Amino acid sequence: MEKKSVKGYVMEVTPKAAELAREYTGCIVPLTTIVVCEGSFYLIFGSNEPVYAHINDPDQVTALSIAMGKTVSDKMIEFVVGKTMDIIRNPVGHSGIKCKKWQLAWLAH
């Protein structure tokens, strides 16, 4: 998988957004960060061994946008994404963290 550099804005995790994220991804780890960029969302779950999911379905993006409200963040995060998400710059957390891509198949183990 080719890696690409991405910049986005960190948004507030609301209870409704966390509920939708769990529904869309099946991830049982708590949602810790939502990043909005280019008409899609990157969701980061957990803090010790974080995982990420990418949401780009238009209906899901719209529902998540509504769930978060109209608050626009000025906190820009920068990362490289491929098989892992490598966080380069994070104004609200640690930089240098690698997140694995969430896989629903992990629940079978």
PDB file of N, CA and C in Angstrom:
ATOM      1  N   MET A   1       0.839  -1.181   0.000  1.00  0.00           N
ATOM      2  CA  MET A   1       0.000   0.000   0.000  1.00  0.00           C
ATOM      3  C   MET A   1       0.882   1.241   0.000  1.00  0.00           C
ATOM      4  N   GLU A   2       0.600   2.145  -0.910  1.00  0.00           N
ATOM      5  CA  GLU A   2       1.369   3.374  -1.027  1.00  0.00           C
ATOM      6  C   GLU A   2       1.041   4.316   0.126  1.00  0.00           C
ATOM      7  N   LYS A   3       2.073   4.976   0.651  1.00  0.00           N
ATOM      8  CA  LYS A   3       1.857   5.931   1.734  1.00  0.00           C
ATOM      9  C   LYS A   3       1.617   7.312   1.147  1.00  0.00           C
ATOM     10  N   LYS A   4       0.745   8.070   1.816  1.00  0.00           N
ATOM     11  CA  LYS A   4       0.521   9.442   1.378  1.00  0.00           C
ATOM     12  C   LYS A   4       0.503  10.359   2.588  1.00  0.00           C
ATOM     13  N   SER A   5       0.952  11.579   2.363  1.00  0.00           N
ATOM     14  CA  SER A   5       0.980  12.579   3.414  1.00  0.00           C
ATOM     15  C   SER A   5      -0.389  13.249   3.498  1.00  0.00           C
ATOM     16  N   VAL A   6      -0.891  13.398   4.716  1.00  0.00           N
ATOM     17  CA  VAL A   6      -2.231  13.946   4.925  1.00  0.00           C
ATOM     18  C   VAL A   6      -2.171  15.009   6.023  1.00  0.00           C
ATOM     19  N   LYS A   7      -2.924  16.083   5.819  1.00  0.00           N
ATOM     20  CA  LYS A   7      -3.112  17.095   6.857  1.00  0.00           C
ATOM     21  C   LYS A   7      -4.602  17.205   7.114  1.00  0.00           C
ATOM     22  N   GLY A   8      -4.964  17.355   8.358  1.00  0.00           N
ATOM     23  CA  GLY A   8      -6.369  17.485   8.704  1.00  0.00           C
ATOM     24  C   GLY A   8      -6.523  18.216  10.017  1.00  0.00           C
ATOM     25  N   TYR A   9      -7.759  18.384  10.425  1.00  0.00           N
ATOM     26  CA  TYR A   9      -8.056  19.101  11.656  1.00  0.00           C
ATOM     27  C   TYR A   9      -8.654  18.160  12.688  1.00  0.00           C
ATOM     28  N   VAL A  10      -8.148  18.274  13.908  1.00  0.00           N
ATOM     29  CA  VAL A  10      -8.629  17.463  15.024  1.00  0.00           C
ATOM     30  C   VAL A  10      -9.960  18.042  15.494  1.00  0.00           C
ATOM     31  N   MET A  11     -10.968  17.184  15.573  1.00  0.00           N
ATOM     32  CA  MET A  11     -12.303  17.610  15.978  1.00  0.00           C
ATOM     33  C   MET A  11     -12.653  17.014  17.342  1.00  0.00           C
ATOM     34  N   GLU A  12     -13.657  17.584  17.979  1.00  0.00           N
ATOM     35  CA  GLU A  12     -14.097  17.109  19.292  1.00  0.00           C
ATOM     36  C   GLU A  12     -14.829  15.774  19.157  1.00  0.00           C
ATOM     37  N   VAL A  13     -14.483  14.840  20.026  1.00  0.00           N
ATOM     38  CA  VAL A  13     -15.176  13.550  20.071  1.00  0.00           C
ATOM     39  C   VAL A  13     -16.407  13.719  20.959  1.00  0.00           C
ATOM     40  N   THR A  14     -17.576  13.666  20.345  1.00  0.00           N
ATOM     41  CA  THR A  14     -18.828  13.746  21.097  1.00  0.00           C
ATOM     42  C   THR A  14     -19.338  12.325  21.342  1.00  0.00           C
ATOM     43  N   PRO A  15     -20.204  12.139  22.329  1.00  0.00           N
ATOM     44  CA  PRO A  15     -20.750  10.794  22.568  1.00  0.00           C
ATOM     45  C   PRO A  15     -21.436  10.211  21.330  1.00  0.00           C
ATOM     46  N   LYS A  16     -22.181  11.027  20.598  1.00  0.00           N
ATOM     47  CA  LYS A  16     -22.878  10.538  19.399  1.00  0.00           C
ATOM     48  C   LYS A  16     -21.872  10.151  18.313  1.00  0.00           C
ATOM     49  N   ALA A  17     -20.811  10.946  18.142  1.00  0.00           N
ATOM     50  CA  ALA A  17     -19.783  10.618  17.148  1.00  0.00           C
ATOM     51  C   ALA A  17     -19.083   9.313  17.522  1.00  0.00           C
ATOM     52  N   ALA A  18     -18.806   9.113  18.813  1.00  0.00           N
ATOM     53  CA  ALA A  18     -18.165   7.875  19.265  1.00  0.00           C
ATOM     54  C   ALA A  18     -19.065   6.671  18.999  1.00  0.00           C
ATOM     55  N   GLU A  19     -20.362   6.849  19.215  1.00  0.00           N
ATOM     56  CA  GLU A  19     -21.326   5.775  18.963  1.00  0.00           C
ATOM     57  C   GLU A  19     -21.364   5.420  17.469  1.00  0.00           C
ATOM     58  N   LEU A  20     -21.394   6.433  16.611  1.00  0.00           N
ATOM     59  CA  LEU A  20     -21.410   6.189  15.165  1.00  0.00           C
ATOM     60  C   LEU A  20     -20.107   5.540  14.696  1.00  0.00           C
ATOM     61  N   ALA A  21     -18.980   5.998  15.239  1.00  0.00           N
ATOM     62  CA  ALA A  21     -17.683   5.432  14.855  1.00  0.00           C
ATOM     63  C   ALA A  21     -17.634   3.943  15.170  1.00  0.00           C
ATOM     64  N   ARG A  22     -18.139   3.577  16.323  1.00  0.00           N
ATOM     65  CA  ARG A  22     -18.169   2.159  16.713  1.00  0.00           C
ATOM     66  C   ARG A  22     -19.081   1.367  15.774  1.00  0.00           C
ATOM     67  N   GLU A  23     -20.232   1.953  15.432  1.00  0.00           N
ATOM     68  CA  GLU A  23     -21.180   1.299  14.526  1.00  0.00           C
ATOM     69  C   GLU A  23     -20.566   1.105  13.134  1.00  0.00           C
ATOM     70  N   TYR A  24     -19.884   2.118  12.617  1.00  0.00           N
ATOM     71  CA  TYR A  24     -19.333   2.062  11.260  1.00  0.00           C
ATOM     72  C   TYR A  24     -18.121   1.150  11.144  1.00  0.00           C
ATOM     73  N   THR A  25     -17.323   1.058  12.215  1.00  0.00           N
ATOM     74  CA  THR A  25     -16.063   0.311  12.132  1.00  0.00           C
ATOM     75  C   THR A  25     -16.091  -1.027  12.857  1.00  0.00           C
ATOM     76  N   GLY A  26     -16.942  -1.150  13.864  1.00  0.00           N
ATOM     77  CA  GLY A  26     -16.942  -2.348  14.690  1.00  0.00           C
ATOM     78  C   GLY A  26     -15.816  -2.357  15.708  1.00  0.00           C
ATOM     79  N   CYS A  27     -15.077  -1.258  15.818  1.00  0.00           N
ATOM     80  CA  CYS A  27     -13.940  -1.190  16.746  1.00  0.00           C
ATOM     81  C   CYS A  27     -14.453  -1.043  18.177  1.00  0.00           C
ATOM     82  N   ILE A  28     -13.969  -1.922  19.060  1.00  0.00           N
ATOM     83  CA  ILE A  28     -14.417  -1.918  20.453  1.00  0.00           C
ATOM     84  C   ILE A  28     -13.552  -1.031  21.350  1.00  0.00           C
ATOM     85  N   VAL A  29     -12.454  -0.520  20.816  1.00  0.00           N
ATOM     86  CA  VAL A  29     -11.560   0.361  21.566  1.00  0.00           C
ATOM     87  C   VAL A  29     -12.185   1.764  21.579  1.00  0.00           C
ATOM     88  N   PRO A  30     -12.077   2.515  22.689  1.00  0.00           N
ATOM     89  CA  PRO A  30     -12.672   3.856  22.738  1.00  0.00           C
ATOM     90  C   PRO A  30     -12.088   4.801  21.680  1.00  0.00           C
ATOM     91  N   LEU A  31     -12.963   5.589  21.074  1.00  0.00           N
ATOM     92  CA  LEU A  31     -12.554   6.597  20.098  1.00  0.00           C
ATOM     93  C   LEU A  31     -11.872   7.736  20.840  1.00  0.00           C
ATOM     94  N   THR A  32     -10.647   8.076  20.429  1.00  0.00           N
ATOM     95  CA  THR A  32      -9.905   9.137  21.108  1.00  0.00           C
ATOM     96  C   THR A  32      -9.738  10.390  20.262  1.00  0.00           C
ATOM     97  N   THR A  33      -9.693  10.248  18.931  1.00  0.00           N
ATOM     98  CA  THR A  33      -9.441  11.395  18.060  1.00  0.00           C
ATOM     99  C   THR A  33     -10.207  11.251  16.758  1.00  0.00           C
ATOM    100  N   ILE A  34     -10.755  12.368  16.292  1.00  0.00           N
ATOM    101  CA  ILE A  34     -11.380  12.432  14.971  1.00  0.00           C
ATOM    102  C   ILE A  34     -10.627  13.484  14.171  1.00  0.00           C
ATOM    103  N   VAL A  35     -10.176  13.100  12.982  1.00  0.00           N
ATOM    104  CA  VAL A  35      -9.474  14.034  12.100  1.00  0.00           C
ATOM    105  C   VAL A  35     -10.297  14.187  10.828  1.00  0.00           C
ATOM    106  N   VAL A  36     -10.633  15.426  10.489  1.00  0.00           N
ATOM    107  CA  VAL A  36     -11.388  15.691   9.265  1.00  0.00           C
ATOM    108  C   VAL A  36     -10.420  16.217   8.206  1.00  0.00           C
ATOM    109  N   CYS A  37     -10.518  15.655   7.000  1.00  0.00           N
ATOM    110  CA  CYS A  37      -9.676  16.114   5.902  1.00  0.00           C
ATOM    111  C   CYS A  37     -10.269  15.687   4.562  1.00  0.00           C
ATOM    112  N   GLU A  38     -10.331  16.623   3.643  1.00  0.00           N
ATOM    113  CA  GLU A  38     -10.729  16.355   2.263  1.00  0.00           C
ATOM    114  C   GLU A  38     -12.003  15.519   2.143  1.00  0.00           C
ATOM    115  N   GLY A  39     -13.049  15.872   2.855  1.00  0.00           N
ATOM    116  CA  GLY A  39     -14.322  15.174   2.730  1.00  0.00           C
ATOM    117  C   GLY A  39     -14.362  13.787   3.329  1.00  0.00           C
ATOM    118  N   SER A  40     -13.441  13.488   4.224  1.00  0.00           N
ATOM    119  CA  SER A  40     -13.433  12.187   4.889  1.00  0.00           C
ATOM    120  C   SER A  40     -12.954  12.363   6.326  1.00  0.00           C
ATOM    121  N   PHE A  41     -13.014  11.267   7.072  1.00  0.00           N
ATOM    122  CA  PHE A  41     -12.557  11.279   8.457  1.00  0.00           C
ATOM    123  C   PHE A  41     -11.571  10.149   8.693  1.00  0.00           C
ATOM    124  N   TYR A  42     -10.560  10.427   9.496  1.00  0.00           N
ATOM    125  CA  TYR A  42      -9.693   9.395  10.045  1.00  0.00           C
ATOM    126  C   TYR A  42     -10.044   9.323  11.522  1.00  0.00           C
ATOM    127  N   LEU A  43     -10.390   8.140  11.978  1.00  0.00           N
ATOM    128  CA  LEU A  43     -10.763   7.919  13.368  1.00  0.00           C
ATOM    129  C   LEU A  43      -9.631   7.183  14.060  1.00  0.00           C
ATOM    130  N   ILE A  44      -9.201   7.680  15.204  1.00  0.00           N
ATOM    131  CA  ILE A  44      -8.133   7.034  15.971  1.00  0.00           C
ATOM    132  C   ILE A  44      -8.750   6.509  17.259  1.00  0.00           C
ATOM    133  N   PHE A  45      -8.526   5.228  17.496  1.00  0.00           N
ATOM    134  CA  PHE A  45      -9.083   4.542  18.658  1.00  0.00           C
ATOM    135  C   PHE A  45      -7.946   4.136  19.587  1.00  0.00           C
ATOM    136  N   GLY A  46      -8.128   4.368  20.888  1.00  0.00           N
ATOM    137  CA  GLY A  46      -7.158   3.917  21.882  1.00  0.00           C
ATOM    138  C   GLY A  46      -5.987   4.858  22.036  1.00  0.00           C
ATOM    139  N   SER A  47      -5.194   4.603  23.086  1.00  0.00           N
ATOM    140  CA  SER A  47      -4.028   5.447  23.332  1.00  0.00           C
ATOM    141  C   SER A  47      -2.748   4.644  23.521  1.00  0.00           C
ATOM    142  N   ASN A  48      -2.808   3.493  24.170  1.00  0.00           N
ATOM    143  CA  ASN A  48      -1.591   2.699  24.378  1.00  0.00           C
ATOM    144  C   ASN A  48      -1.101   2.066  23.086  1.00  0.00           C
ATOM    145  N   GLU A  49      -1.969   1.401  22.379  1.00  0.00           N
ATOM    146  CA  GLU A  49      -1.667   0.812  21.071  1.00  0.00           C
ATOM    147  C   GLU A  49      -2.766   1.250  20.109  1.00  0.00           C
ATOM    148  N   PRO A  50      -2.716   2.517  19.663  1.00  0.00           N
ATOM    149  CA  PRO A  50      -3.818   3.051  18.870  1.00  0.00           C
ATOM    150  C   PRO A  50      -3.961   2.383  17.504  1.00  0.00           C
ATOM    151  N   VAL A  51      -5.193   2.372  17.029  1.00  0.00           N
ATOM    152  CA  VAL A  51      -5.508   1.884  15.684  1.00  0.00           C
ATOM    153  C   VAL A  51      -6.321   2.979  15.000  1.00  0.00           C
ATOM    154  N   TYR A  52      -6.363   2.924  13.668  1.00  0.00           N
ATOM    155  CA  TYR A  52      -7.131   3.936  12.956  1.00  0.00           C
ATOM    156  C   TYR A  52      -8.057   3.304  11.935  1.00  0.00           C
ATOM    157  N   ALA A  53      -9.075   4.070  11.560  1.00  0.00           N
ATOM    158  CA  ALA A  53      -9.998   3.677  10.493  1.00  0.00           C
ATOM    159  C   ALA A  53     -10.258   4.910   9.640  1.00  0.00           C
ATOM    160  N   HIS A  54     -10.495   4.697   8.362  1.00  0.00           N
ATOM    161  CA  HIS A  54     -10.785   5.791   7.433  1.00  0.00           C
ATOM    162  C   HIS A  54     -12.243   5.689   7.004  1.00  0.00           C
ATOM    163  N   ILE A  55     -12.973   6.775   7.149  1.00  0.00           N
ATOM    164  CA  ILE A  55     -14.382   6.837   6.757  1.00  0.00           C
ATOM    165  C   ILE A  55     -14.501   7.811   5.590  1.00  0.00           C
ATOM    166  N   ASN A  56     -14.933   7.299   4.426  1.00  0.00           N
ATOM    167  CA  ASN A  56     -15.121   8.189   3.280  1.00  0.00           C
ATOM    168  C   ASN A  56     -16.465   7.991   2.583  1.00  0.00           C
ATOM    169  N   ASP A  57     -17.321   7.150   3.138  1.00  0.00           N
ATOM    170  CA  ASP A  57     -18.674   6.988   2.611  1.00  0.00           C
ATOM    171  C   ASP A  57     -19.437   8.298   2.852  1.00  0.00           C
ATOM    172  N   PRO A  58     -20.015   8.895   1.802  1.00  0.00           N
ATOM    173  CA  PRO A  58     -20.673  10.202   1.956  1.00  0.00           C
ATOM    174  C   PRO A  58     -21.756  10.241   3.040  1.00  0.00           C
ATOM    175  N   ASP A  59     -22.560   9.205   3.157  1.00  0.00           N
ATOM    176  CA  ASP A  59     -23.612   9.186   4.179  1.00  0.00           C
ATOM    177  C   ASP A  59     -23.025   9.125   5.586  1.00  0.00           C
ATOM    178  N   GLN A  60     -21.975   8.330   5.757  1.00  0.00           N
ATOM    179  CA  GLN A  60     -21.331   8.221   7.066  1.00  0.00           C
ATOM    180  C   GLN A  60     -20.602   9.517   7.422  1.00  0.00           C
ATOM    181  N   VAL A  61     -19.966  10.144   6.432  1.00  0.00           N
ATOM    182  CA  VAL A  61     -19.281  11.420   6.661  1.00  0.00           C
ATOM    183  C   VAL A  61     -20.297  12.478   7.102  1.00  0.00           C
ATOM    184  N   THR A  62     -21.437  12.523   6.437  1.00  0.00           N
ATOM    185  CA  THR A  62     -22.485  13.484   6.793  1.00  0.00           C
ATOM    186  C   THR A  62     -22.993  13.239   8.212  1.00  0.00           C
ATOM    187  N   ALA A  63     -23.274  11.986   8.544  1.00  0.00           N
ATOM    188  CA  ALA A  63     -23.777  11.658   9.884  1.00  0.00           C
ATOM    189  C   ALA A  63     -22.756  12.014  10.965  1.00  0.00           C
ATOM    190  N   LEU A  64     -21.482  11.725  10.726  1.00  0.00           N
ATOM    191  CA  LEU A  64     -20.439  12.076  11.700  1.00  0.00           C
ATOM    192  C   LEU A  64     -20.316  13.591  11.839  1.00  0.00           C
ATOM    193  N   SER A  65     -20.415  14.308  10.728  1.00  0.00           N
ATOM    194  CA  SER A  65     -20.337  15.774  10.769  1.00  0.00           C
ATOM    195  C   SER A  65     -21.450  16.350  11.635  1.00  0.00           C
ATOM    196  N   ILE A  66     -22.644  15.839  11.456  1.00  0.00           N
ATOM    197  CA  ILE A  66     -23.788  16.300  12.250  1.00  0.00           C
ATOM    198  C   ILE A  66     -23.584  15.951  13.724  1.00  0.00           C
ATOM    199  N   ALA A  67     -23.067  14.758  13.993  1.00  0.00           N
ATOM    200  CA  ALA A  67     -22.857  14.302  15.375  1.00  0.00           C
ATOM    201  C   ALA A  67     -21.827  15.147  16.115  1.00  0.00           C
ATOM    202  N   MET A  68     -20.873  15.721  15.379  1.00  0.00           N
ATOM    203  CA  MET A  68     -19.841  16.535  16.022  1.00  0.00           C
ATOM    204  C   MET A  68     -20.259  17.982  16.195  1.00  0.00           C
ATOM    205  N   GLY A  69     -21.296  18.410  15.520  1.00  0.00           N
ATOM    206  CA  GLY A  69     -21.724  19.800  15.608  1.00  0.00           C
ATOM    207  C   GLY A  69     -20.946  20.669  14.632  1.00  0.00           C
ATOM    208  N   LYS A  70     -21.048  21.967  14.836  1.00  0.00           N
ATOM    209  CA  LYS A  70     -20.472  22.907  13.872  1.00  0.00           C
ATOM    210  C   LYS A  70     -19.140  23.481  14.317  1.00  0.00           C
ATOM    211  N   THR A  71     -18.564  22.965  15.369  1.00  0.00           N
ATOM    212  CA  THR A  71     -17.305  23.492  15.863  1.00  0.00           C
ATOM    213  C   THR A  71     -16.173  23.118  14.924  1.00  0.00           C
ATOM    214  N   VAL A  72     -15.516  24.136  14.373  1.00  0.00           N
ATOM    215  CA  VAL A  72     -14.375  23.905  13.493  1.00  0.00           C
ATOM    216  C   VAL A  72     -13.113  24.120  14.309  1.00  0.00           C
ATOM    217  N   SER A  73     -12.219  23.171  14.252  1.00  0.00           N
ATOM    218  CA  SER A  73     -10.988  23.225  15.026  1.00  0.00           C
ATOM    219  C   SER A  73      -9.901  23.953  14.247  1.00  0.00           C
ATOM    220  N   ASP A  74      -8.998  24.595  14.977  1.00  0.00           N
ATOM    221  CA  ASP A  74      -7.825  25.194  14.341  1.00  0.00           C
ATOM    222  C   ASP A  74      -6.579  24.359  14.630  1.00  0.00           C
ATOM    223  N   LYS A  75      -6.771  23.172  15.186  1.00  0.00           N
ATOM    224  CA  LYS A  75      -5.658  22.294  15.551  1.00  0.00           C
ATOM    225  C   LYS A  75      -5.361  21.338  14.404  1.00  0.00           C
ATOM    226  N   MET A  76      -4.320  21.648  13.639  1.00  0.00           N
ATOM    227  CA  MET A  76      -3.984  20.830  12.479  1.00  0.00           C
ATOM    228  C   MET A  76      -3.039  19.701  12.877  1.00  0.00           C
ATOM    229  N   ILE A  77      -3.349  18.516  12.395  1.00  0.00           N
ATOM    230  CA  ILE A  77      -2.519  17.334  12.605  1.00  0.00           C
ATOM    231  C   ILE A  77      -1.961  16.924  11.246  1.00  0.00           C
ATOM    232  N   GLU A  78      -0.756  16.419  11.254  1.00  0.00           N
ATOM    233  CA  GLU A  78      -0.126  15.972  10.014  1.00  0.00           C
ATOM    234  C   GLU A  78       0.354  14.541  10.207  1.00  0.00           C
ATOM    235  N   PHE A  79       0.073  13.689   9.210  1.00  0.00           N
ATOM    236  CA  PHE A  79       0.486  12.298   9.314  1.00  0.00           C
ATOM    237  C   PHE A  79       0.697  11.703   7.931  1.00  0.00           C
ATOM    238  N   VAL A  80       1.348  10.556   7.921  1.00  0.00           N
ATOM    239  CA  VAL A  80       1.537   9.773   6.705  1.00  0.00           C
ATOM    240  C   VAL A  80       0.715   8.509   6.898  1.00  0.00           C
ATOM    241  N   VAL A  81      -0.078   8.150   5.887  1.00  0.00           N
ATOM    242  CA  VAL A  81      -0.973   7.011   6.037  1.00  0.00           C
ATOM    243  C   VAL A  81      -0.727   5.990   4.934  1.00  0.00           C
ATOM    244  N   GLY A  82      -0.774   4.730   5.322  1.00  0.00           N
ATOM    245  CA  GLY A  82      -0.624   3.576   4.437  1.00  0.00           C
ATOM    246  C   GLY A  82      -1.096   2.375   5.245  1.00  0.00           C
ATOM    247  N   LYS A  83      -0.237   1.374   5.415  1.00  0.00           N
ATOM    248  CA  LYS A  83      -0.582   0.257   6.307  1.00  0.00           C
ATOM    249  C   LYS A  83      -0.658   0.729   7.753  1.00  0.00           C
ATOM    250  N   THR A  84       0.121   1.756   8.062  1.00  0.00           N
ATOM    251  CA  THR A  84       0.065   2.384   9.381  1.00  0.00           C
ATOM    252  C   THR A  84      -0.181   3.875   9.189  1.00  0.00           C
ATOM    253  N   MET A  85      -0.604   4.517  10.262  1.00  0.00           N
ATOM    254  CA  MET A  85      -0.708   5.970  10.284  1.00  0.00           C
ATOM    255  C   MET A  85       0.439   6.447  11.158  1.00  0.00           C
ATOM    256  N   ASP A  86       1.369   7.172  10.573  1.00  0.00           N
ATOM    257  CA  ASP A  86       2.521   7.688  11.300  1.00  0.00           C
ATOM    258  C   ASP A  86       2.275   9.168  11.580  1.00  0.00           C
ATOM    259  N   ILE A  87       2.040   9.503  12.835  1.00  0.00           N
ATOM    260  CA  ILE A  87       1.708  10.880  13.195  1.00  0.00           C
ATOM    261  C   ILE A  87       2.990  11.702  13.272  1.00  0.00           C
ATOM    262  N   ILE A  88       3.063  12.720  12.417  1.00  0.00           N
ATOM    263  CA  ILE A  88       4.246  13.573  12.330  1.00  0.00           C
ATOM    264  C   ILE A  88       4.114  14.760  13.274  1.00  0.00           C
ATOM    265  N   ARG A  89       2.955  15.420  13.231  1.00  0.00           N
ATOM    266  CA  ARG A  89       2.737  16.607  14.061  1.00  0.00           C
ATOM    267  C   ARG A  89       1.334  16.543  14.632  1.00  0.00           C
ATOM    268  N   ASN A  90       1.253  16.641  15.969  1.00  0.00           N
ATOM    269  CA  ASN A  90      -0.039  16.540  16.645  1.00  0.00           C
ATOM    270  C   ASN A  90      -0.107  17.585  17.756  1.00  0.00           C
ATOM    271  N   PRO A  91      -0.917  18.632  17.588  1.00  0.00           N
ATOM    272  CA  PRO A  91      -0.985  19.690  18.596  1.00  0.00           C
ATOM    273  C   PRO A  91      -1.738  19.299  19.870  1.00  0.00           C
ATOM    274  N   VAL A  92      -2.459  18.189  19.847  1.00  0.00           N
ATOM    275  CA  VAL A  92      -3.261  17.802  21.011  1.00  0.00           C
ATOM    276  C   VAL A  92      -2.813  16.490  21.647  1.00  0.00           C
ATOM    277  N   GLY A  93      -1.743  15.916  21.160  1.00  0.00           N
ATOM    278  CA  GLY A  93      -1.268  14.634  21.687  1.00  0.00           C
ATOM    279  C   GLY A  93       0.175  14.412  21.296  1.00  0.00           C
ATOM    280  N   HIS A  94       0.590  13.174  21.331  1.00  0.00           N
ATOM    281  CA  HIS A  94       1.975  12.832  21.041  1.00  0.00           C
ATOM    282  C   HIS A  94       2.224  12.725  19.540  1.00  0.00           C
ATOM    283  N   SER A  95       3.383  13.185  19.123  1.00  0.00           N
ATOM    284  CA  SER A  95       3.833  12.995  17.746  1.00  0.00           C
ATOM    285  C   SER A  95       4.739  11.773  17.722  1.00  0.00           C
ATOM    286  N   GLY A  96       4.977  11.228  16.538  1.00  0.00           N
ATOM    287  CA  GLY A  96       5.854  10.076  16.405  1.00  0.00           C
ATOM    288  C   GLY A  96       5.175   8.747  16.679  1.00  0.00           C
ATOM    289  N   ILE A  97       3.866   8.750  16.856  1.00  0.00           N
ATOM    290  CA  ILE A  97       3.122   7.520  17.141  1.00  0.00           C
ATOM    291  C   ILE A  97       2.734   6.839  15.839  1.00  0.00           C
ATOM    292  N   LYS A  98       2.790   5.519  15.834  1.00  0.00           N
ATOM    293  CA  LYS A  98       2.336   4.725  14.692  1.00  0.00           C
ATOM    294  C   LYS A  98       1.058   4.001  15.096  1.00  0.00           C
ATOM    295  N   CYS A  99       0.031   4.137  14.268  1.00  0.00           N
ATOM    296  CA  CYS A  99      -1.245   3.462  14.506  1.00  0.00           C
ATOM    297  C   CYS A  99      -1.437   2.419  13.420  1.00  0.00           C
ATOM    298  N   LYS A 100      -1.798   1.219  13.810  1.00  0.00           N
ATOM    299  CA  LYS A 100      -2.131   0.188  12.825  1.00  0.00           C
ATOM    300  C   LYS A 100      -3.534   0.444  12.298  1.00  0.00           C
ATOM    301  N   LYS A 101      -3.798  -0.018  11.072  1.00  0.00           N
ATOM    302  CA  LYS A 101      -5.136   0.111  10.504  1.00  0.00           C
ATOM    303  C   LYS A 101      -6.050  -0.926  11.154  1.00  0.00           C
ATOM    304  N   TRP A 102      -7.201  -0.484  11.661  1.00  0.00           N
ATOM    305  CA  TRP A 102      -8.163  -1.358  12.325  1.00  0.00           C
ATOM    306  C   TRP A 102      -8.701  -2.388  11.350  1.00  0.00           C
ATOM    307  N   GLN A 103      -8.787  -3.634  11.823  1.00  0.00           N
ATOM    308  CA  GLN A 103      -9.342  -4.722  11.023  1.00  0.00           C
ATOM    309  C   GLN A 103     -10.396  -5.443  11.856  1.00  0.00           C
ATOM    310  N   LEU A 104     -11.597  -5.516  11.329  1.00  0.00           N
ATOM    311  CA  LEU A 104     -12.697  -6.171  12.030  1.00  0.00           C
ATOM    312  C   LEU A 104     -12.368  -7.631  12.335  1.00  0.00           C
ATOM    313  N   ALA A 105     -11.544  -8.250  11.510  1.00  0.00           N
ATOM    314  CA  ALA A 105     -11.164  -9.656  11.703  1.00  0.00           C
ATOM    315  C   ALA A 105     -10.443  -9.878  13.037  1.00  0.00           C
ATOM    316  N   TRP A 106      -9.864  -8.831  13.619  1.00  0.00           N
ATOM    317  CA  TRP A 106      -9.177  -8.985  14.899  1.00  0.00           C
ATOM    318  C   TRP A 106     -10.127  -9.445  15.997  1.00  0.00           C
ATOM    319  N   LEU A 107     -11.404  -9.129  15.881  1.00  0.00           N
ATOM    320  CA  LEU A 107     -12.372  -9.531  16.910  1.00  0.00           C
ATOM    321  C   LEU A 107     -12.568 -11.036  16.964  1.00  0.00           C
ATOM    322  N   ALA A 108     -12.219 -11.735  15.898  1.00  0.00           N
ATOM    323  CA  ALA A 108     -12.394 -13.189  15.843  1.00  0.00           C
ATOM    324  C   ALA A 108     -11.351 -13.926  16.678  1.00  0.00           C
ATOM    325  N   HIS A 109     -10.293 -13.235  17.071  1.00  0.00           N
ATOM    326  CA  HIS A 109      -9.210 -13.891  17.817  1.00  0.00           C
ATOM    327  C   HIS A 109      -9.441 -13.868  19.295  1.00  0.00           C
TER     328      HIS A 109
END
